[in-house]
């Protein structure tokens, strides 16, 4: 993969790691999503993948 594509993926994953908890909180508070084992496991899997992929991004 080219460096520009990897850089864009890292940046997207980095910002998703920041925004996912806020989105999850809004969805739970408004009642759109209920907390179940499946939703919790799915959130942790997506959050972990984004955190790992975006770990080396430097937002400058």
PDB file of N, CA and C in Angstrom:
ATOM      1  N   UNK A   1       0.834  -1.177   0.000  1.00  0.00           N
ATOM      2  CA  UNK A   1       0.000   0.000   0.000  1.00  0.00           C
ATOM      3  C   UNK A   1       0.877   1.238   0.000  1.00  0.00           C
ATOM      4  N   UNK A   2       0.398   2.261  -0.626  1.00  0.00           N
ATOM      5  CA  UNK A   2       1.202   3.477  -0.668  1.00  0.00           C
ATOM      6  C   UNK A   2       1.170   4.189   0.689  1.00  0.00           C
ATOM      7  N   UNK A   3       2.163   5.014   0.909  1.00  0.00           N
ATOM      8  CA  UNK A   3       2.309   5.718   2.185  1.00  0.00           C
ATOM      9  C   UNK A   3       1.137   6.666   2.442  1.00  0.00           C
ATOM     10  N   UNK A   4       0.596   7.294   1.405  1.00  0.00           N
ATOM     11  CA  UNK A   4      -0.502   8.237   1.611  1.00  0.00           C
ATOM     12  C   UNK A   4      -1.782   7.522   2.053  1.00  0.00           C
ATOM     13  N   UNK A   5      -2.008   6.321   1.544  1.00  0.00           N
ATOM     14  CA  UNK A   5      -3.192   5.557   1.954  1.00  0.00           C
ATOM     15  C   UNK A   5      -3.041   5.114   3.404  1.00  0.00           C
ATOM     16  N   UNK A   6      -1.863   4.626   3.769  1.00  0.00           N
ATOM     17  CA  UNK A   6      -1.631   4.212   5.150  1.00  0.00           C
ATOM     18  C   UNK A   6      -1.754   5.385   6.112  1.00  0.00           C
ATOM     19  N   UNK A   7      -1.256   6.530   5.690  1.00  0.00           N
ATOM     20  CA  UNK A   7      -1.355   7.719   6.528  1.00  0.00           C
ATOM     21  C   UNK A   7      -2.812   8.122   6.744  1.00  0.00           C
ATOM     22  N   UNK A   8      -3.612   8.053   5.696  1.00  0.00           N
ATOM     23  CA  UNK A   8      -5.033   8.389   5.808  1.00  0.00           C
ATOM     24  C   UNK A   8      -5.767   7.387   6.699  1.00  0.00           C
ATOM     25  N   UNK A   9      -5.442   6.113   6.582  1.00  0.00           N
ATOM     26  CA  UNK A   9      -6.070   5.101   7.433  1.00  0.00           C
ATOM     27  C   UNK A   9      -5.680   5.290   8.895  1.00  0.00           C
ATOM     28  N   UNK A  10      -4.415   5.600   9.151  1.00  0.00           N
ATOM     29  CA  UNK A  10      -3.977   5.852  10.522  1.00  0.00           C
ATOM     30  C   UNK A  10      -4.693   7.063  11.116  1.00  0.00           C
ATOM     31  N   UNK A  11      -4.806   8.120  10.327  1.00  0.00           N
ATOM     32  CA  UNK A  11      -5.479   9.329  10.808  1.00  0.00           C
ATOM     33  C   UNK A  11      -6.956   9.059  11.092  1.00  0.00           C
ATOM     34  N   UNK A  12      -7.615   8.339  10.212  1.00  0.00           N
ATOM     35  CA  UNK A  12      -9.028   8.002  10.421  1.00  0.00           C
ATOM     36  C   UNK A  12      -9.212   7.151  11.671  1.00  0.00           C
ATOM     37  N   UNK A  13      -8.349   6.185  11.856  1.00  0.00           N
ATOM     38  CA  UNK A  13      -8.433   5.319  13.037  1.00  0.00           C
ATOM     39  C   UNK A  13      -8.152   6.109  14.310  1.00  0.00           C
ATOM     40  N   UNK A  14      -7.199   7.019  14.255  1.00  0.00           N
ATOM     41  CA  UNK A  14      -6.872   7.855  15.410  1.00  0.00           C
ATOM     42  C   UNK A  14      -8.082   8.678  15.848  1.00  0.00           C
ATOM     43  N   UNK A  15      -8.708   9.363  14.902  1.00  0.00           N
ATOM     44  CA  UNK A  15      -9.852  10.207  15.238  1.00  0.00           C
ATOM     45  C   UNK A  15     -11.077   9.381  15.606  1.00  0.00           C
ATOM     46  N   UNK A  16     -11.226   8.210  15.022  1.00  0.00           N
ATOM     47  CA  UNK A  16     -12.330   7.326  15.409  1.00  0.00           C
ATOM     48  C   UNK A  16     -12.164   6.872  16.855  1.00  0.00           C
ATOM     49  N   UNK A  17     -10.923   6.643  17.277  1.00  0.00           N
ATOM     50  CA  UNK A  17     -10.663   6.257  18.666  1.00  0.00           C
ATOM     51  C   UNK A  17     -11.101   7.361  19.621  1.00  0.00           C
ATOM     52  N   UNK A  18     -10.953   8.590  19.214  1.00  0.00           N
ATOM     53  CA  UNK A  18     -11.363   9.718  20.051  1.00  0.00           C
ATOM     54  C   UNK A  18     -12.877   9.886  20.047  1.00  0.00           C
ATOM     55  N   UNK A  19     -13.513   9.724  18.896  1.00  0.00           N
ATOM     56  CA  UNK A  19     -14.942  10.004  18.775  1.00  0.00           C
ATOM     57  C   UNK A  19     -15.857   8.841  19.156  1.00  0.00           C
ATOM     58  N   UNK A  20     -15.391   7.608  19.072  1.00  0.00           N
ATOM     59  CA  UNK A  20     -16.249   6.453  19.365  1.00  0.00           C
ATOM     60  C   UNK A  20     -16.862   6.474  20.766  1.00  0.00           C
ATOM     61  N   UNK A  21     -16.103   6.763  21.824  1.00  0.00           N
ATOM     62  CA  UNK A  21     -16.746   6.796  23.149  1.00  0.00           C
ATOM     63  C   UNK A  21     -17.834   7.862  23.261  1.00  0.00           C
ATOM     64  N   UNK A  22     -17.624   9.002  22.629  1.00  0.00           N
ATOM     65  CA  UNK A  22     -18.651  10.049  22.646  1.00  0.00           C
ATOM     66  C   UNK A  22     -19.905   9.599  21.901  1.00  0.00           C
ATOM     67  N   UNK A  23     -19.716   8.984  20.766  1.00  0.00           N
ATOM     68  CA  UNK A  23     -20.838   8.474  19.996  1.00  0.00           C
ATOM     69  C   UNK A  23     -21.585   7.397  20.772  1.00  0.00           C
ATOM     70  N   UNK A  24     -20.852   6.497  21.404  1.00  0.00           N
ATOM     71  CA  UNK A  24     -21.480   5.431  22.188  1.00  0.00           C
ATOM     72  C   UNK A  24     -22.291   6.022  23.343  1.00  0.00           C
ATOM     73  N   UNK A  25     -21.743   7.015  24.016  1.00  0.00           N
ATOM     74  CA  UNK A  25     -22.456   7.658  25.116  1.00  0.00           C
ATOM     75  C   UNK A  25     -23.756   8.292  24.642  1.00  0.00           C
ATOM     76  N   UNK A  26     -23.709   9.010  23.537  1.00  0.00           N
ATOM     77  CA  UNK A  26     -24.915   9.641  22.996  1.00  0.00           C
ATOM     78  C   UNK A  26     -25.953   8.598  22.617  1.00  0.00           C
ATOM     79  N   UNK A  27     -25.517   7.511  21.974  1.00  0.00           N
ATOM     80  CA  UNK A  27     -26.450   6.469  21.562  1.00  0.00           C
ATOM     81  C   UNK A  27     -27.104   5.777  22.749  1.00  0.00           C
ATOM     82  N   UNK A  28     -26.364   5.569  23.819  1.00  0.00           N
ATOM     83  CA  UNK A  28     -26.930   4.921  25.007  1.00  0.00           C
ATOM     84  C   UNK A  28     -27.858   5.875  25.761  1.00  0.00           C
ATOM     85  N   UNK A  29     -27.442   7.117  25.926  1.00  0.00           N
ATOM     86  CA  UNK A  29     -28.253   8.092  26.668  1.00  0.00           C
ATOM     87  C   UNK A  29     -29.574   8.375  25.961  1.00  0.00           C
ATOM     88  N   UNK A  30     -29.558   8.449  24.643  1.00  0.00           N
ATOM     89  CA  UNK A  30     -30.795   8.729  23.908  1.00  0.00           C
ATOM     90  C   UNK A  30     -31.677   7.494  23.760  1.00  0.00           C
ATOM     91  N   UNK A  31     -31.157   6.324  24.107  1.00  0.00           N
ATOM     92  CA  UNK A  31     -31.956   5.113  24.037  1.00  0.00           C
ATOM     93  C   UNK A  31     -31.960   4.434  22.685  1.00  0.00           C
ATOM     94  N   UNK A  32     -31.148   4.896  21.774  1.00  0.00           N
ATOM     95  CA  UNK A  32     -31.077   4.283  20.445  1.00  0.00           C
ATOM     96  C   UNK A  32     -30.447   2.901  20.543  1.00  0.00           C
ATOM     97  N   UNK A  33     -29.476   2.754  21.456  1.00  0.00           N
ATOM     98  CA  UNK A  33     -28.780   1.487  21.648  1.00  0.00           C
ATOM     99  C   UNK A  33     -28.897   1.103  23.117  1.00  0.00           C
ATOM    100  N   UNK A  34     -29.142  -0.164  23.369  1.00  0.00           N
ATOM    101  CA  UNK A  34     -29.139  -0.656  24.737  1.00  0.00           C
ATOM    102  C   UNK A  34     -27.833  -1.407  24.995  1.00  0.00           C
ATOM    103  N   UNK A  35     -27.440  -1.438  26.249  1.00  0.00           N
ATOM    104  CA  UNK A  35     -26.193  -2.102  26.609  1.00  0.00           C
ATOM    105  C   UNK A  35     -26.455  -3.594  26.777  1.00  0.00           C
ATOM    106  N   UNK A  36     -25.879  -4.372  25.882  1.00  0.00           N
ATOM    107  CA  UNK A  36     -25.941  -5.828  25.962  1.00  0.00           C
ATOM    108  C   UNK A  36     -24.529  -6.359  25.822  1.00  0.00           C
ATOM    109  N   UNK A  37     -24.384  -7.644  26.010  1.00  0.00           N
ATOM    110  CA  UNK A  37     -23.068  -8.255  25.852  1.00  0.00           C
ATOM    111  C   UNK A  37     -22.558  -8.079  24.426  1.00  0.00           C
ATOM    112  N   UNK A  38     -23.441  -8.249  23.442  1.00  0.00           N
ATOM    113  CA  UNK A  38     -23.047  -8.112  22.042  1.00  0.00           C
ATOM    114  C   UNK A  38     -22.609  -6.692  21.706  1.00  0.00           C
ATOM    115  N   UNK A  39     -23.363  -5.689  22.142  1.00  0.00           N
ATOM    116  CA  UNK A  39     -22.977  -4.311  21.830  1.00  0.00           C
ATOM    117  C   UNK A  39     -21.695  -3.918  22.555  1.00  0.00           C
ATOM    118  N   UNK A  40     -21.527  -4.386  23.789  1.00  0.00           N
ATOM    119  CA  UNK A  40     -20.307  -4.079  24.533  1.00  0.00           C
ATOM    120  C   UNK A  40     -19.085  -4.723  23.881  1.00  0.00           C
ATOM    121  N   UNK A  41     -19.211  -5.983  23.505  1.00  0.00           N
ATOM    122  CA  UNK A  41     -18.095  -6.682  22.859  1.00  0.00           C
ATOM    123  C   UNK A  41     -17.776  -6.063  21.503  1.00  0.00           C
ATOM    124  N   UNK A  42     -18.810  -5.689  20.760  1.00  0.00           N
ATOM    125  CA  UNK A  42     -18.602  -5.061  19.450  1.00  0.00           C
ATOM    126  C   UNK A  42     -17.899  -3.713  19.600  1.00  0.00           C
ATOM    127  N   UNK A  43     -18.350  -2.923  20.571  1.00  0.00           N
ATOM    128  CA  UNK A  43     -17.708  -1.631  20.807  1.00  0.00           C
ATOM    129  C   UNK A  43     -16.238  -1.809  21.163  1.00  0.00           C
ATOM    130  N   UNK A  44     -15.951  -2.731  22.073  1.00  0.00           N
ATOM    131  CA  UNK A  44     -14.558  -2.952  22.473  1.00  0.00           C
ATOM    132  C   UNK A  44     -13.699  -3.445  21.319  1.00  0.00           C
ATOM    133  N   UNK A  45     -14.256  -4.277  20.460  1.00  0.00           N
ATOM    134  CA  UNK A  45     -13.499  -4.778  19.312  1.00  0.00           C
ATOM    135  C   UNK A  45     -13.177  -3.652  18.330  1.00  0.00           C
ATOM    136  N   UNK A  46     -14.170  -2.844  18.008  1.00  0.00           N
ATOM    137  CA  UNK A  46     -13.960  -1.734  17.069  1.00  0.00           C
ATOM    138  C   UNK A  46     -13.027  -0.691  17.676  1.00  0.00           C
ATOM    139  N   UNK A  47     -13.232  -0.376  18.940  1.00  0.00           N
ATOM    140  CA  UNK A  47     -12.387   0.610  19.615  1.00  0.00           C
ATOM    141  C   UNK A  47     -10.935   0.140  19.664  1.00  0.00           C
ATOM    142  N   UNK A  48     -10.733  -1.136  19.996  1.00  0.00           N
ATOM    143  CA  UNK A  48      -9.381  -1.685  20.060  1.00  0.00           C
ATOM    144  C   UNK A  48      -8.703  -1.677  18.690  1.00  0.00           C
ATOM    145  N   UNK A  49      -9.439  -2.052  17.657  1.00  0.00           N
ATOM    146  CA  UNK A  49      -8.879  -2.050  16.310  1.00  0.00           C
ATOM    147  C   UNK A  49      -8.469  -0.637  15.897  1.00  0.00           C
ATOM    148  N   UNK A  50      -9.310   0.341  16.197  1.00  0.00           N
ATOM    149  CA  UNK A  50      -8.977   1.731  15.860  1.00  0.00           C
ATOM    150  C   UNK A  50      -7.789   2.230  16.674  1.00  0.00           C
ATOM    151  N   UNK A  51      -7.733   1.873  17.931  1.00  0.00           N
ATOM    152  CA  UNK A  51      -6.626   2.309  18.775  1.00  0.00           C
ATOM    153  C   UNK A  51      -5.302   1.714  18.298  1.00  0.00           C
ATOM    154  N   UNK A  52      -5.327   0.464  17.894  1.00  0.00           N
ATOM    155  CA  UNK A  52      -4.101  -0.172  17.397  1.00  0.00           C
ATOM    156  C   UNK A  52      -3.688   0.423  16.057  1.00  0.00           C
ATOM    157  N   UNK A  53      -4.653   0.591  15.164  1.00  0.00           N
ATOM    158  CA  UNK A  53      -4.335   1.110  13.830  1.00  0.00           C
ATOM    159  C   UNK A  53      -3.899   2.575  13.866  1.00  0.00           C
ATOM    160  N   UNK A  54      -4.474   3.367  14.764  1.00  0.00           N
ATOM    161  CA  UNK A  54      -4.160   4.788  14.808  1.00  0.00           C
ATOM    162  C   UNK A  54      -3.076   5.161  15.791  1.00  0.00           C
ATOM    163  N   UNK A  55      -2.463   4.167  16.413  1.00  0.00           N
ATOM    164  CA  UNK A  55      -1.482   4.411  17.465  1.00  0.00           C
ATOM    165  C   UNK A  55      -0.293   5.269  16.995  1.00  0.00           C
ATOM    166  N   UNK A  56       0.191   5.054  15.807  1.00  0.00           N
ATOM    167  CA  UNK A  56       1.396   5.769  15.354  1.00  0.00           C
ATOM    168  C   UNK A  56       1.090   7.072  14.622  1.00  0.00           C
ATOM    169  N   UNK A  57      -0.164   7.520  14.615  1.00  0.00           N
ATOM    170  CA  UNK A  57      -0.510   8.775  13.948  1.00  0.00           C
ATOM    171  C   UNK A  57      -0.132   9.958  14.845  1.00  0.00           C
ATOM    172  N   UNK A  58       0.428  10.989  14.221  1.00  0.00           N
ATOM    173  CA  UNK A  58       0.754  12.233  14.923  1.00  0.00           C
ATOM    174  C   UNK A  58      -0.083  13.348  14.326  1.00  0.00           C
ATOM    175  N   UNK A  59      -1.038  13.890  15.089  1.00  0.00           N
ATOM    176  CA  UNK A  59      -1.954  14.894  14.540  1.00  0.00           C
ATOM    177  C   UNK A  59      -1.367  16.301  14.494  1.00  0.00           C
ATOM    178  N   UNK A  60      -0.573  16.588  13.472  1.00  0.00           N
ATOM    179  CA  UNK A  60      -0.005  17.932  13.293  1.00  0.00           C
ATOM    180  C   UNK A  60      -0.388  18.480  11.965  1.00  0.00           C
TER     181      UNK A  60
END
